[in-house]
Structures are given as C-alpha cells and as structure tokens.
C-alpha cells in the first residue's frame, strides 16, 4: 500500500487555528488536488480544504443527487473529500480506493448517474477484468448473448440502481454499456465516463489501455481495493498503485483513499481476521 492517500489530516490547537484562519497554513507540502482536513485539539473534524491551481481552497459541503439514488451526503471527512472529487468536472481521472464497505462504489455510481442526468455525459462505459475471486472455481461458460454473459460482472453497479431491471433500463436508454477488458483495445469513447471497478486486478498495461480509451469530453473513473487481489500477476504488477504514485500532483488526476467502513458492524468485523 502506498503512503499517499490524497488527504492530509492535521490537528490544530486553538492558537494554531487562529493563525490558520488569519494566514492559512503553508500548502507547499501538499500536491495538486490533495485535500487537507482540519481537526481541533479534540480530534473533531472542522473544515476541509483542497489545493487547486496551487492555491488552498475551502471545500463547500458536497452532495450528490440523482433520480435513481436520491440525495446522498458524506458520512465522514474522507467521504467529504471523495464527494468533492466526484463533483469536480475539471479532473478527468478520478480514483477511489478502500477496503470493502467504505462507500467507494456507491459514491462513484451516484456521481455517474448525477452527471448523466445533468447531460454532462452521454454514457457510462463499464469495464471490469473478468477475474474470479481467488481460490474459487470457475463456473464454466455461460449461455446467452454477450450482454447476458457479462451482466453478472456488472452487478456491483446494478446493486445501486435497483438490480438487473434498473441496469437494463439504463442499457435500453443507451446510457450504459458493458465492455470486457479484453475487448477494449481499439475502442475510443467520447462524451462518456469510462468506469473501471475491481481495479486491484489490473496491471500497469491494463491501466495504460484504459487511459488510452479516453477521447474528447470523456473521463476515467477507477476504484478498487488493493487488499483483494485475485491472481499472482497482480501482486507483481501493481497497476493501480503505480498509477497513483506516478500521477499524484498532476492537475488532471484526483485520488482519495477511504478508511472508515460505513456498511455496517458485521462488515467492519472482517478486518479482525487479518
């Protein structure tokens, strides 16, 4: 796991807070699009800032709203940063990572639906490397059309839009397309959000392939959990981490790592088995 999380947390005494509000802190140790969460001496979150265009800017309370998912609000300071990143139209490459249950998929799906409904993009291009969970047996060849074969791989998205029926509604409207990673070469997408999930199962070459598909007025959104790799090749070629390390500080790139589980008490207990 890389050290860079996209967020810097600082706890300030009352005196330091007064100095901060008078002069603001020196942001030279922050890179472009990195967030700064300010906490008081009791470790209570106060405000969030972000470095944009070499200037420290206050982040106003971000929300995401769509007809499919309603109004969503951030539940913790890290999600506050993630919501702001998703809402920013000037950052074409957005990456969220976390363990399971922290909300990365929920936030990205909600953000994509909002932008589709706002008319900022025409389509969501759903890309996932069709890798089975480590130490499970493949179920064999699935019958049906290409879409019918791929629909199960898109269920992480479908879970947030009312299941398969909701997903098919988006497909019928022309707002959603499932593209297998191994069929991506040669494609070029305009006016689209290219969304890659389970990106821990991507090599450096896979990441480069995804970036090369971004055409006019398109963006690349990626999310993954670096603790859940399912083949040895992805242990050797950390495409996701390499992307974060090489692109941090680039104005076209934004990244947030979520830490706090919001799914429920049972999901949070899974970490005790490590």
Foldseek 3Di string as FASTA:
>chain_A
DDPDFLEDEDEEEPVVVVVCVVPNDDCPVAFAQRKYFYHYPVRHTDFMWGQHPNDTGTQDFAWFAAPQQGIGGDDDPLVSSVRSVLPDLQAQEEEEEEPPQLCPLVSNLRSQRRCCVVVLFPAEEEEEAPDDFAPDDDPDQDDDDPCVRCVVVCQSSQVRRPHPVRVVVCVVSVHYHYDYLVRQPPAADERYEYEYEQCLADFLVSVVSQVVRYDYSYGYYYYHYVVGHHDVVSVVGRNVVVCCVVCTNPNNYGYHYGYDRDRDDVVVCVVVVD
